[in-house]
Protein backbone atom coordinates (compact mmCIF):
# COMPACT_ATOMS: atom_id res chain seq x y z
CA UNK A 1 -43.21 -67.23 -86.59
CA UNK A 2 -46.14 -65.98 -88.51
CA UNK A 3 -46.84 -69.51 -89.53
CA UNK A 4 -47.60 -70.85 -86.09
CA UNK A 5 -49.80 -67.88 -85.34
CA UNK A 6 -51.95 -68.64 -88.26
CA UNK A 7 -52.19 -72.32 -88.58
CA UNK A 8 -52.31 -75.27 -86.34
CA UNK A 9 -54.88 -77.49 -84.75
CA UNK A 10 -57.16 -77.97 -81.84
CA UNK A 11 -56.04 -79.90 -78.77
CA UNK A 12 -58.10 -83.04 -78.42
CA UNK A 13 -57.47 -83.98 -74.81
CA UNK A 14 -56.99 -82.23 -71.49
CA UNK A 15 -53.52 -80.92 -70.80
CA UNK A 16 -52.88 -83.45 -68.08
CA UNK A 17 -54.05 -86.40 -70.10
CA UNK A 18 -52.91 -84.88 -73.37
CA UNK A 19 -49.26 -84.69 -72.53
CA UNK A 20 -49.33 -88.19 -71.12
CA UNK A 21 -50.93 -89.44 -74.31
CA UNK A 22 -48.28 -87.58 -76.26
CA UNK A 23 -45.53 -89.09 -74.14
CA UNK A 24 -46.54 -92.60 -75.11
CA UNK A 25 -47.97 -91.77 -78.53
CA UNK A 26 -47.68 -94.36 -81.24
CA UNK A 27 -48.97 -92.29 -84.12
CA UNK A 28 -51.44 -94.96 -85.23
CA UNK A 29 -54.54 -92.76 -85.12
CA UNK A 30 -55.24 -91.04 -88.42
CA UNK A 31 -55.50 -87.27 -88.29
CA UNK A 32 -58.29 -86.92 -90.80
CA UNK A 33 -62.01 -87.51 -90.75
CA UNK A 34 -63.45 -90.97 -91.49
CA UNK A 35 -64.78 -91.94 -94.89
CA UNK A 36 -67.99 -90.22 -95.87
CA UNK A 37 -71.06 -92.33 -95.01
CA UNK A 38 -72.64 -91.85 -98.42
CA UNK A 39 -70.40 -94.06 -100.47
CA UNK A 40 -67.07 -95.74 -100.95
CA UNK A 41 -64.19 -93.35 -101.73
CA UNK A 42 -63.48 -93.06 -105.45
CA UNK A 43 -59.99 -92.55 -106.77
CA UNK A 44 -59.16 -89.85 -109.28
CA UNK A 45 -60.11 -86.32 -110.21
CA UNK A 46 -58.66 -82.90 -109.55
CA UNK A 47 -59.82 -80.82 -106.59
CA UNK A 48 -59.79 -77.11 -107.37
CA UNK A 49 -59.36 -75.21 -104.12
CA UNK A 50 -59.29 -71.50 -103.41
CA UNK A 51 -57.36 -70.00 -100.50
CA UNK A 52 -56.68 -66.47 -99.34
CA UNK A 53 -53.37 -64.77 -100.03
CA UNK A 54 -51.68 -61.62 -101.27
CA UNK A 55 -48.90 -61.35 -103.80
CA UNK A 56 -46.85 -59.14 -101.49
CA UNK A 57 -46.80 -61.85 -98.79
CA UNK A 58 -45.94 -64.91 -100.91
CA UNK A 59 -43.29 -67.27 -99.55
CA UNK A 60 -42.10 -70.68 -100.71
CA UNK A 61 -39.96 -71.50 -97.68
CA UNK A 62 -41.53 -74.16 -95.39
CA UNK A 63 -39.73 -72.54 -92.45
CA UNK A 64 -40.39 -68.98 -93.54
CA UNK A 65 -42.84 -66.27 -92.60
CA UNK A 66 -46.08 -67.51 -94.11
CA UNK A 67 -48.69 -64.80 -94.13
CA UNK A 68 -50.83 -66.42 -96.81
CA UNK A 69 -53.34 -69.20 -96.27
CA UNK A 70 -52.61 -70.30 -99.84
CA UNK A 71 -48.89 -70.69 -99.17
CA UNK A 72 -49.47 -72.69 -96.03
CA UNK A 73 -51.94 -74.98 -97.78
CA UNK A 74 -49.44 -75.78 -100.53
CA UNK A 75 -46.57 -76.31 -98.12
CA UNK A 76 -48.62 -78.50 -95.77
CA UNK A 77 -49.64 -80.79 -98.64
CA UNK A 78 -46.10 -81.13 -99.99
CA UNK A 79 -44.23 -81.47 -96.68
CA UNK A 80 -45.02 -83.46 -93.54
CA UNK A 81 -44.73 -82.29 -89.96
CA UNK A 82 -43.53 -84.72 -87.29
CA UNK A 83 -46.92 -84.92 -85.59
CA UNK A 84 -50.44 -83.74 -86.29
CA UNK A 85 -53.78 -83.22 -84.53
CA UNK A 86 -55.94 -86.32 -84.26
CA UNK A 87 -59.59 -87.18 -84.03
CA UNK A 88 -59.25 -89.11 -80.79
CA UNK A 89 -55.84 -88.20 -79.42
CA UNK A 90 -54.74 -84.61 -79.48
CA UNK A 91 -51.36 -85.55 -80.99
CA UNK A 92 -50.84 -88.32 -83.54
CA UNK A 93 -48.01 -89.29 -85.85
CA UNK A 94 -47.43 -87.77 -89.27
CA UNK A 95 -43.79 -88.18 -90.32
CA UNK A 96 -42.98 -89.59 -86.88
CA UNK A 97 -44.49 -92.96 -86.03
CA UNK A 98 -43.84 -92.67 -82.32
CA UNK A 99 -42.08 -90.78 -79.55
CA UNK A 100 -40.89 -91.34 -76.03
CA UNK A 101 -39.45 -89.15 -73.32
CA UNK A 102 -36.86 -89.63 -70.63
CA UNK A 103 -38.10 -89.91 -67.05
CA UNK A 104 -37.27 -86.26 -66.39
CA UNK A 105 -39.16 -85.10 -69.53
CA UNK A 106 -36.11 -83.29 -70.96
CA UNK A 107 -35.08 -85.72 -73.71
CA UNK A 108 -37.50 -86.80 -76.41
CA UNK A 109 -36.86 -89.45 -79.06
CA UNK A 110 -38.95 -89.39 -82.25
CA UNK A 111 -38.99 -92.40 -84.57
CA UNK A 112 -39.41 -91.78 -88.30
CA UNK A 113 -42.28 -93.65 -89.94
CA UNK A 114 -41.26 -96.75 -91.86
CA UNK A 115 -41.33 -96.29 -95.61
CA UNK A 116 -41.12 -92.48 -95.43
CA UNK A 117 -39.44 -91.16 -98.56
CA UNK A 118 -38.91 -87.87 -100.29
CA UNK A 119 -40.66 -87.23 -103.57
CA UNK A 120 -37.46 -88.04 -105.45
CA UNK A 121 -37.54 -91.56 -103.98
CA UNK A 122 -34.76 -91.19 -101.44
CA UNK A 123 -35.51 -92.36 -97.88
CA UNK A 124 -36.10 -89.88 -95.08
CA UNK A 125 -33.34 -90.24 -92.49
CA UNK A 126 -32.84 -88.94 -88.99
CA UNK A 127 -30.09 -86.70 -90.38
CA UNK A 128 -32.64 -85.05 -92.71
CA UNK A 129 -35.08 -84.46 -89.87
CA UNK A 130 -32.43 -83.17 -87.45
CA UNK A 131 -31.02 -80.81 -90.09
CA UNK A 132 -34.51 -79.50 -90.88
CA UNK A 133 -35.38 -78.91 -87.22
CA UNK A 134 -32.09 -77.11 -86.65
CA UNK A 135 -32.80 -74.92 -89.67
CA UNK A 136 -36.28 -74.25 -88.31
CA UNK A 137 -34.91 -73.43 -84.87
CA UNK A 138 -32.50 -70.90 -86.35
CA UNK A 139 -35.23 -68.91 -88.07
CA UNK A 140 -36.23 -65.58 -86.46
CA UNK A 141 -39.25 -67.17 -84.78
CA UNK A 142 -37.73 -70.60 -84.25
CA UNK A 143 -37.66 -70.27 -80.48
CA UNK A 144 -41.44 -70.09 -80.53
CA UNK A 145 -41.71 -73.18 -82.67
CA UNK A 146 -39.42 -75.34 -80.54
CA UNK A 147 -39.41 -73.62 -77.15
CA UNK A 148 -36.58 -74.49 -74.82
CA UNK A 149 -34.62 -76.41 -77.44
CA UNK A 150 -31.39 -75.07 -78.86
CA UNK A 151 -30.29 -75.99 -82.38
CA UNK A 152 -27.29 -77.95 -81.17
CA UNK A 153 -29.60 -80.01 -78.92
CA UNK A 154 -31.25 -81.61 -81.95
CA UNK A 155 -29.36 -84.69 -83.13
CA UNK A 156 -29.78 -87.91 -85.09
CA UNK A 157 -29.37 -91.25 -83.36
CA UNK A 158 -28.94 -93.85 -86.04
CA UNK A 159 -30.96 -93.79 -89.23
CA UNK A 160 -34.50 -93.46 -87.90
CA UNK A 161 -34.40 -91.69 -84.53
CA UNK A 162 -34.21 -87.95 -83.84
CA UNK A 163 -33.38 -86.71 -80.36
CA UNK A 164 -34.52 -83.34 -78.98
CA UNK A 165 -33.12 -82.20 -75.63
CA UNK A 166 -34.96 -79.42 -73.83
CA UNK A 167 -33.32 -77.08 -71.34
CA UNK A 168 -36.22 -77.78 -68.96
CA UNK A 169 -38.78 -80.58 -68.50
CA UNK A 170 -41.44 -80.36 -71.20
CA UNK A 171 -44.23 -82.91 -71.22
CA UNK A 172 -45.99 -81.08 -74.05
CA UNK A 173 -43.20 -81.22 -76.64
CA UNK A 174 -44.91 -83.70 -79.03
CA UNK A 175 -47.92 -81.38 -79.13
CA UNK A 176 -45.66 -78.48 -80.07
CA UNK A 177 -44.22 -80.41 -83.03
CA UNK A 178 -47.61 -80.57 -84.73
CA UNK A 179 -46.87 -77.37 -86.56
CA UNK A 180 -44.06 -76.08 -88.78
CA UNK A 181 -41.72 -79.05 -88.31
CA UNK A 182 -41.63 -79.56 -92.07
CA UNK A 183 -38.77 -81.75 -93.25
CA UNK A 184 -36.44 -81.12 -96.18
CA UNK A 185 -33.41 -83.06 -97.37
CA UNK A 186 -30.25 -82.42 -95.39
CA UNK A 187 -28.05 -79.61 -96.73
CA UNK A 188 -30.62 -78.31 -99.21
CA UNK A 189 -29.07 -75.10 -100.60
CA UNK A 190 -31.01 -71.96 -99.69
CA UNK A 191 -31.61 -71.10 -103.34
CA UNK A 192 -33.25 -74.49 -103.88
CA UNK A 193 -35.49 -74.58 -100.79
CA UNK A 194 -38.56 -73.35 -102.70
CA UNK A 195 -38.51 -76.38 -104.99
CA UNK A 196 -37.02 -78.95 -102.62
CA UNK A 197 -38.78 -82.34 -102.68
CA UNK A 198 -41.13 -82.97 -99.80
CA UNK A 199 -42.44 -86.06 -98.05
CA UNK A 200 -46.17 -85.33 -98.09
CA UNK A 201 -49.20 -86.83 -99.83
CA UNK A 202 -48.86 -84.50 -102.85
CA UNK A 203 -45.95 -83.47 -105.06
CA UNK A 204 -45.50 -80.04 -106.60
CA UNK A 205 -46.21 -80.10 -110.33
CA UNK A 206 -45.97 -76.37 -110.99
CA UNK A 207 -46.14 -73.06 -109.15
CA UNK A 208 -46.96 -69.64 -110.62
CA UNK A 209 -47.44 -66.45 -108.64
CA UNK A 210 -49.18 -67.98 -105.64
CA UNK A 211 -51.09 -70.60 -107.63
CA UNK A 212 -50.00 -74.22 -107.83
CA UNK A 213 -50.83 -77.67 -109.11
CA UNK A 214 -50.02 -80.65 -106.91
CA UNK A 215 -50.17 -84.29 -108.00
CA UNK A 216 -50.71 -87.42 -105.94
CA UNK A 217 -47.73 -89.04 -104.26
CA UNK A 218 -48.44 -92.73 -104.81
CA UNK A 219 -45.61 -93.67 -102.46
CA UNK A 220 -46.73 -91.60 -99.49
CA UNK A 221 -45.95 -93.46 -96.28
CA UNK A 222 -49.28 -92.42 -94.72
CA UNK A 223 -51.42 -94.57 -96.99
CA UNK A 224 -53.41 -94.24 -100.20
CA UNK A 225 -54.31 -90.79 -101.52
CA UNK A 226 -57.59 -90.56 -103.43
CA UNK A 227 -57.25 -87.44 -105.59
CA UNK A 228 -55.15 -87.34 -108.75
CA UNK A 229 -54.31 -83.71 -108.19
CA UNK A 230 -55.09 -80.52 -106.31
CA UNK A 231 -55.04 -77.12 -107.96
CA UNK A 232 -54.64 -74.19 -105.58
CA UNK A 233 -55.77 -70.72 -106.63
CA UNK A 234 -54.90 -67.69 -104.52
CA UNK A 235 -57.64 -65.12 -103.93
CA UNK A 236 -57.14 -61.74 -102.34
CA UNK A 237 -60.67 -61.46 -100.97
CA UNK A 238 -63.21 -63.89 -99.49
CA UNK A 239 -65.90 -62.49 -101.76
CA UNK A 240 -63.93 -63.19 -104.92
CA UNK A 241 -63.26 -66.72 -103.70
CA UNK A 242 -66.92 -67.32 -102.83
CA UNK A 243 -67.99 -65.99 -106.22
CA UNK A 244 -65.55 -68.35 -107.94
CA UNK A 245 -67.13 -71.28 -106.09
CA UNK A 246 -70.66 -70.19 -106.95
CA UNK A 247 -69.59 -69.75 -110.55
CA UNK A 248 -68.06 -73.22 -110.76
CA UNK A 249 -64.43 -72.09 -111.19
CA UNK A 250 -63.35 -73.87 -107.99
CA UNK A 251 -64.70 -76.79 -105.97
CA UNK A 252 -63.71 -75.66 -102.49
CA UNK A 253 -63.42 -72.23 -100.89
CA UNK A 254 -61.14 -72.64 -97.88
CA UNK A 255 -61.68 -70.58 -94.75
CA UNK A 256 -63.97 -68.22 -96.61
CA UNK A 257 -65.54 -66.53 -93.59
CA UNK A 258 -68.89 -65.83 -91.98
CA UNK A 259 -70.29 -63.42 -94.58
CA UNK A 260 -69.88 -66.00 -97.33
CA UNK A 261 -71.36 -68.65 -95.03
CA UNK A 262 -74.43 -66.54 -94.42
CA UNK A 263 -74.85 -65.97 -98.14
CA UNK A 264 -74.52 -69.66 -98.98
CA UNK A 265 -76.53 -71.01 -96.06
CA UNK A 266 -79.74 -71.21 -98.07
CA UNK A 267 -78.14 -72.80 -101.13
CA UNK A 268 -78.85 -76.50 -101.42
CA UNK A 269 -76.13 -76.90 -104.04
CA UNK A 270 -73.36 -75.78 -101.69
CA UNK A 271 -71.88 -77.67 -98.75
CA UNK A 272 -71.14 -75.53 -95.71
CA UNK A 273 -68.42 -77.08 -93.53
CA UNK A 274 -68.31 -75.41 -90.14
CA UNK A 275 -65.44 -75.89 -87.69
CA UNK A 276 -66.64 -74.44 -84.38
CA UNK A 277 -64.38 -71.97 -82.59
CA UNK A 278 -61.58 -72.34 -85.09
CA UNK A 279 -59.99 -68.90 -85.19
CA UNK A 280 -58.91 -66.43 -82.52
CA UNK A 281 -58.87 -62.74 -83.49
CA UNK A 282 -57.54 -60.99 -80.37
CA UNK A 283 -56.68 -57.37 -79.91
CA UNK A 284 -53.09 -57.12 -78.69
CA UNK A 285 -51.99 -54.44 -76.22
CA UNK A 286 -48.28 -53.97 -75.58
CA UNK A 287 -47.53 -54.52 -71.91
CA UNK A 288 -43.81 -53.75 -71.82
CA UNK A 289 -44.23 -50.01 -72.27
CA UNK A 290 -46.58 -47.41 -73.69
CA UNK A 291 -50.19 -46.55 -72.84
CA UNK A 292 -51.20 -50.16 -72.07
CA UNK A 293 -48.32 -51.03 -69.76
CA UNK A 294 -50.61 -50.49 -66.74
CA UNK A 295 -52.64 -53.64 -66.09
CA UNK A 296 -55.59 -51.47 -65.08
CA UNK A 297 -55.73 -49.98 -68.55
CA UNK A 298 -55.69 -53.42 -70.13
CA UNK A 299 -58.49 -54.57 -67.85
CA UNK A 300 -60.50 -51.48 -68.74
CA UNK A 301 -60.18 -52.26 -72.45
CA UNK A 302 -61.40 -55.78 -71.79
CA UNK A 303 -64.38 -54.39 -69.88
CA UNK A 304 -65.52 -51.89 -72.46
CA UNK A 305 -65.90 -54.36 -75.33
CA UNK A 306 -69.38 -55.75 -76.05
CA UNK A 307 -68.46 -59.33 -76.84
CA UNK A 308 -71.87 -60.55 -77.87
CA UNK A 309 -72.25 -57.65 -80.29
CA UNK A 310 -68.84 -58.44 -81.75
CA UNK A 311 -69.77 -62.07 -82.38
CA UNK A 312 -73.14 -61.11 -83.81
CA UNK A 313 -71.98 -58.30 -86.08
CA UNK A 314 -68.42 -59.24 -87.02
CA UNK A 315 -68.95 -63.00 -87.27
CA UNK A 316 -72.62 -62.98 -88.29
CA UNK A 317 -73.18 -65.33 -85.36
CA UNK A 318 -70.68 -67.90 -86.65
CA UNK A 319 -68.65 -67.94 -83.46
CA UNK A 320 -68.76 -67.74 -79.69
CA UNK A 321 -67.92 -65.24 -76.96
CA UNK A 322 -64.43 -65.68 -75.44
CA UNK A 323 -62.94 -64.73 -72.09
CA UNK A 324 -59.46 -63.31 -72.84
CA UNK A 325 -57.84 -66.74 -72.55
CA UNK A 326 -56.24 -68.28 -75.64
CA UNK A 327 -56.81 -72.00 -76.10
CA UNK A 328 -60.57 -72.35 -75.68
CA UNK A 329 -60.52 -75.73 -77.45
CA UNK A 330 -58.39 -77.28 -74.70
CA UNK A 331 -60.46 -79.66 -72.55
CA UNK A 332 -58.41 -78.24 -69.68
CA UNK A 333 -59.79 -74.77 -70.44
CA UNK A 334 -60.89 -73.15 -67.15
CA UNK A 335 -64.62 -72.67 -67.65
CA UNK A 336 -65.01 -71.79 -63.97
CA UNK A 337 -63.18 -68.47 -64.41
CA UNK A 338 -66.05 -65.94 -64.50
CA UNK A 339 -66.89 -64.67 -67.96
CA UNK A 340 -65.82 -61.06 -68.29
CA UNK A 341 -68.80 -58.89 -69.26
CA UNK A 342 -69.11 -55.33 -70.43
CA UNK A 343 -68.92 -52.82 -67.56
CA UNK A 344 -68.39 -49.27 -68.77
CA UNK A 345 -68.54 -47.77 -65.29
CA UNK A 346 -65.74 -49.97 -64.00
CA UNK A 347 -63.74 -49.41 -67.20
CA UNK A 348 -63.94 -45.64 -66.75
CA UNK A 349 -62.96 -45.94 -63.09
CA UNK A 350 -59.89 -48.02 -63.93
CA UNK A 351 -58.82 -45.60 -66.65
CA UNK A 352 -59.10 -42.71 -64.21
CA UNK A 353 -57.09 -44.55 -61.56
CA UNK A 354 -54.37 -45.30 -64.13
CA UNK A 355 -54.29 -41.67 -65.34
CA UNK A 356 -55.00 -42.84 -68.87
CA UNK A 357 -54.92 -39.89 -71.24
CA UNK A 358 -58.40 -39.64 -72.76
CA UNK A 359 -57.45 -36.56 -74.77
CA UNK A 360 -55.31 -38.62 -77.12
CA UNK A 361 -56.39 -40.72 -80.07
CA UNK A 362 -54.87 -44.19 -80.12
CA UNK A 363 -54.12 -45.96 -83.38
CA UNK A 364 -55.31 -49.55 -83.66
CA UNK A 365 -53.47 -51.29 -86.51
CA UNK A 366 -55.31 -53.99 -88.42
CA UNK A 367 -55.17 -55.92 -91.69
CA UNK A 368 -57.64 -57.55 -94.02
CA UNK A 369 -55.80 -60.87 -93.99
CA UNK A 370 -58.85 -62.84 -92.85
CA UNK A 371 -62.59 -62.11 -92.99
CA UNK A 372 -63.81 -60.02 -90.09
CA UNK A 373 -60.44 -58.88 -88.75
CA UNK A 374 -60.62 -55.24 -89.90
CA UNK A 375 -64.33 -55.17 -89.09
CA UNK A 376 -63.59 -56.24 -85.51
CA UNK A 377 -61.22 -53.30 -85.09
CA UNK A 378 -63.78 -50.85 -86.41
CA UNK A 379 -66.58 -52.09 -84.16
CA UNK A 380 -64.30 -52.14 -81.12
CA UNK A 381 -63.31 -48.53 -81.81
CA UNK A 382 -66.99 -47.57 -81.87
CA UNK A 383 -67.63 -49.36 -78.58
CA UNK A 384 -64.58 -47.81 -76.93
CA UNK A 385 -65.82 -44.33 -77.66
CA UNK A 386 -68.70 -44.95 -75.24
CA UNK A 387 -66.09 -45.02 -72.47
CA UNK A 388 -64.40 -41.88 -73.78
CA UNK A 389 -61.53 -43.75 -75.45
CA UNK A 390 -60.79 -42.43 -78.94
CA UNK A 391 -59.39 -45.01 -81.36
CA UNK A 392 -58.39 -44.56 -84.97
CA UNK A 393 -58.35 -47.76 -86.99
CA UNK A 394 -55.43 -47.95 -89.42
CA UNK A 395 -55.45 -50.68 -92.07
CA UNK A 396 -52.02 -51.96 -92.98
CA UNK A 397 -51.02 -54.11 -95.92
CA UNK A 398 -50.06 -57.61 -94.85
CA UNK A 399 -46.35 -57.42 -95.68
CA UNK A 400 -45.96 -54.08 -93.92
CA UNK A 401 -47.85 -55.39 -90.90
CA UNK A 402 -45.42 -58.25 -90.34
CA UNK A 403 -42.39 -56.05 -90.94
CA UNK A 404 -43.43 -53.06 -88.84
CA UNK A 405 -46.20 -53.99 -86.43
CA UNK A 406 -46.32 -57.65 -85.46
CA UNK A 407 -44.31 -58.25 -82.27
CA UNK A 408 -43.40 -54.56 -82.17
CA UNK A 409 -46.68 -52.64 -82.21
CA UNK A 410 -48.43 -51.00 -79.28
CA UNK A 411 -52.04 -51.75 -80.25
CA UNK A 412 -53.07 -54.09 -83.05
CA UNK A 413 -55.38 -56.87 -84.13
CA UNK A 414 -54.09 -60.32 -84.85
CA UNK A 415 -55.37 -63.76 -85.66
CA UNK A 416 -54.50 -67.35 -84.95
CA UNK A 417 -56.12 -69.83 -87.30
CA UNK A 418 -56.33 -72.37 -84.55
CA UNK A 419 -57.99 -73.31 -81.32
CA UNK A 420 -55.06 -75.08 -79.80
CA UNK A 421 -54.17 -75.91 -76.22
CA UNK A 422 -53.58 -73.33 -73.51
CA UNK A 423 -49.98 -74.54 -73.25
CA UNK A 424 -49.42 -74.09 -77.00
CA UNK A 425 -50.28 -70.40 -76.79
CA UNK A 426 -48.48 -69.90 -73.49
CA UNK A 427 -45.24 -71.34 -74.81
CA UNK A 428 -45.27 -69.43 -78.06
CA UNK A 429 -46.76 -66.07 -77.15
CA UNK A 430 -46.74 -65.34 -73.43
CA UNK A 431 -43.76 -66.76 -71.55
CA UNK A 432 -40.88 -64.37 -71.02
CA UNK A 433 -38.67 -64.39 -74.10
CA UNK A 434 -41.10 -66.45 -76.22
CA UNK A 435 -40.33 -66.15 -79.91
CA UNK A 436 -43.77 -64.72 -80.67
CA UNK A 437 -44.43 -62.72 -77.53
CA UNK A 438 -46.80 -60.40 -79.32
CA UNK A 439 -47.58 -58.17 -76.34
CA UNK A 440 -44.06 -57.98 -74.91
CA UNK A 441 -45.42 -59.57 -71.73
CA UNK A 442 -43.21 -60.78 -68.91
CA UNK A 443 -44.87 -62.06 -65.76
CA UNK A 444 -42.85 -64.20 -63.32
CA UNK A 445 -45.97 -65.82 -61.84
CA UNK A 446 -47.11 -66.85 -65.30
CA UNK A 447 -43.69 -68.25 -66.19
CA UNK A 448 -43.63 -70.26 -62.96
CA UNK A 449 -47.11 -71.67 -63.62
CA UNK A 450 -46.07 -72.61 -67.14
CA UNK A 451 -43.01 -74.48 -65.86
CA UNK A 452 -45.25 -76.40 -63.47
CA UNK A 453 -47.63 -77.37 -66.26
CA UNK A 454 -45.00 -78.72 -68.65
CA UNK A 455 -42.59 -79.95 -66.02
CA UNK A 456 -44.62 -82.73 -64.45
CA UNK A 457 -46.59 -85.76 -65.57
CA UNK A 458 -48.70 -85.71 -62.41
CA UNK A 459 -52.25 -85.08 -63.62
CA UNK A 460 -53.55 -83.32 -60.52
CA UNK A 461 -50.55 -81.01 -60.24
CA UNK A 462 -50.79 -80.17 -63.94
CA UNK A 463 -54.49 -79.39 -63.71
CA UNK A 464 -53.94 -77.03 -60.78
CA UNK A 465 -51.06 -75.26 -62.52
CA UNK A 466 -53.00 -75.01 -65.78
CA UNK A 467 -55.87 -73.23 -64.07
CA UNK A 468 -53.45 -70.84 -62.39
CA UNK A 469 -51.86 -70.15 -65.77
CA UNK A 470 -55.23 -69.20 -67.24
CA UNK A 471 -56.25 -67.09 -64.25
CA UNK A 472 -53.11 -64.99 -64.56
CA UNK A 473 -53.63 -64.62 -68.31
CA UNK A 474 -57.23 -63.55 -67.73
CA UNK A 475 -56.20 -60.93 -65.18
CA UNK A 476 -53.09 -59.40 -66.68
CA UNK A 477 -52.11 -60.41 -70.21
CA UNK A 478 -52.06 -58.12 -73.21
CA UNK A 479 -54.68 -60.15 -75.07
CA UNK A 480 -58.25 -58.97 -75.43
CA UNK A 481 -59.86 -62.09 -76.86
CA UNK A 482 -63.48 -61.13 -77.37
CA UNK A 483 -64.57 -64.19 -79.34
CA UNK A 484 -63.71 -67.24 -81.39
CA UNK A 485 -64.69 -67.42 -85.05
CA UNK A 486 -65.91 -70.61 -86.64
CA UNK A 487 -63.86 -71.87 -89.55
CA UNK A 488 -65.98 -71.92 -92.69
CA UNK A 489 -65.39 -73.86 -95.89
CA UNK A 490 -67.79 -73.88 -98.83
CA UNK A 491 -67.69 -76.83 -101.19
CA UNK A 492 -69.40 -78.20 -104.28
CA UNK A 493 -71.62 -81.28 -103.69
CA UNK A 494 -69.11 -83.64 -105.31
CA UNK A 495 -66.42 -82.93 -102.71
CA UNK A 496 -66.50 -85.67 -100.09
CA UNK A 497 -64.83 -86.39 -96.77
CA UNK A 498 -63.46 -82.93 -96.04
CA UNK A 499 -61.58 -82.89 -92.72
CA UNK A 500 -63.44 -81.45 -89.77
CA UNK A 501 -60.39 -80.69 -87.65
CA UNK A 502 -59.39 -77.03 -87.45
CA UNK A 503 -56.05 -75.39 -88.14
CA UNK A 504 -53.46 -77.75 -89.57
CA UNK A 505 -56.05 -80.53 -89.49
CA UNK A 506 -58.16 -78.86 -92.14
CA UNK A 507 -55.38 -78.86 -94.74
CA UNK A 508 -54.87 -82.61 -94.51
CA UNK A 509 -56.69 -83.44 -97.72
CA UNK A 510 -55.30 -86.87 -98.54
CA UNK A 511 -58.62 -88.56 -97.68
CA UNK A 512 -60.77 -86.17 -99.69
CA UNK A 513 -62.38 -87.65 -102.80
CA UNK A 514 -64.68 -86.53 -105.60
CA UNK A 515 -67.90 -88.30 -106.48
CA UNK A 516 -68.66 -88.81 -110.16
């Protein structure tokens, strides 16, 4: 699912404690930032927000392939997911008010929040939620969204309880429902999905070519919403979006990137909201076959990159060096695994041992979907040449990338607009048969470690297995994760109480307000 790649949220507790918190979660913690300290929230006004997107990648389906930030923003404001990231707990309630598992961690029961209704006034029922999750599960990437759960294992129990049965113990399931579990009315015809009523804090007023106006849902079950409306404008480049903010055409430039942040840093009339380590932009090497199937070649590629230079030049310093392990925001992240540093001599030795063909030129496919992505490919190609590896960077239009390259390509850049848990990424991108196994990786030791992590509630056992999971990923996976980019929003002074949570957390705008 392109959606889960791009958006989600940071884990807020260690994997051992996190899953236990999720198992007994009540959903009472709010998933947005507290009220701004400089005044009482005021009701009213229209927030004009810019978000990146391309006409060729537009989708209106909440369960579809969402390559545009603008599409995801609109969908996430109109529809609710079951759970969401929280400020204190890593998983809190959104459309679900609580959840509980069976003793063996295979059966999970989610309770729908009291008072939850669709925008047309009809109540949200367990049948609606079960139907929506089954529809989600049957999408091309549905296995990655609800790993280990078959469509016919999702059922309604009464009016307000949805039951999900996993084919294996999964203590992390509530965490995995924080993304993409958008709920529609049962039996919504396919031709009407794009305009189906949602359950979220805003209702769709109109939509035109990627742009939309949303109005406040006064009956939202999550509490009062401050803004009268939100107008979303799609921009194809960060620069155009930043210019629109500076020119007063919009009030908020969402995820605008490091270059715009550097430009606006000295402006006292612009707020710079920085979400540390928000976005992963790994280079993906196919492990199943092709030139990177040999683990020695993959290690060599990870050794020839100059990570500090990448962060400095590509991200203008708005980011941090990473260590080829996805999920750096997880408090269970293994900081004791030695940081991989540049070592050209060792890289060359490994390439020689693997009989890597240095006479060939290897195409690295990239896109310009987010700021810095194409630039990272270009700089990496320059660095690789110092080890004798010739790389040609090929820019691909977003739609073509998802049709032809993503999940299929041999060598490409990618991004995840999130800094989620290690388990989140493992379940969706690295276990054998995962719906979004971007590198075609299959490693029995990794799969076994993953099953240990999600299959027990014992904190010590989970911690040990989680470290093993990361060690194997560090050594052998197809991900070269050189750094984590900060999420950057630019806002006019009147915009108050913007969420500080990354990923899905940053599009929860119901508590935002405008000062007069």
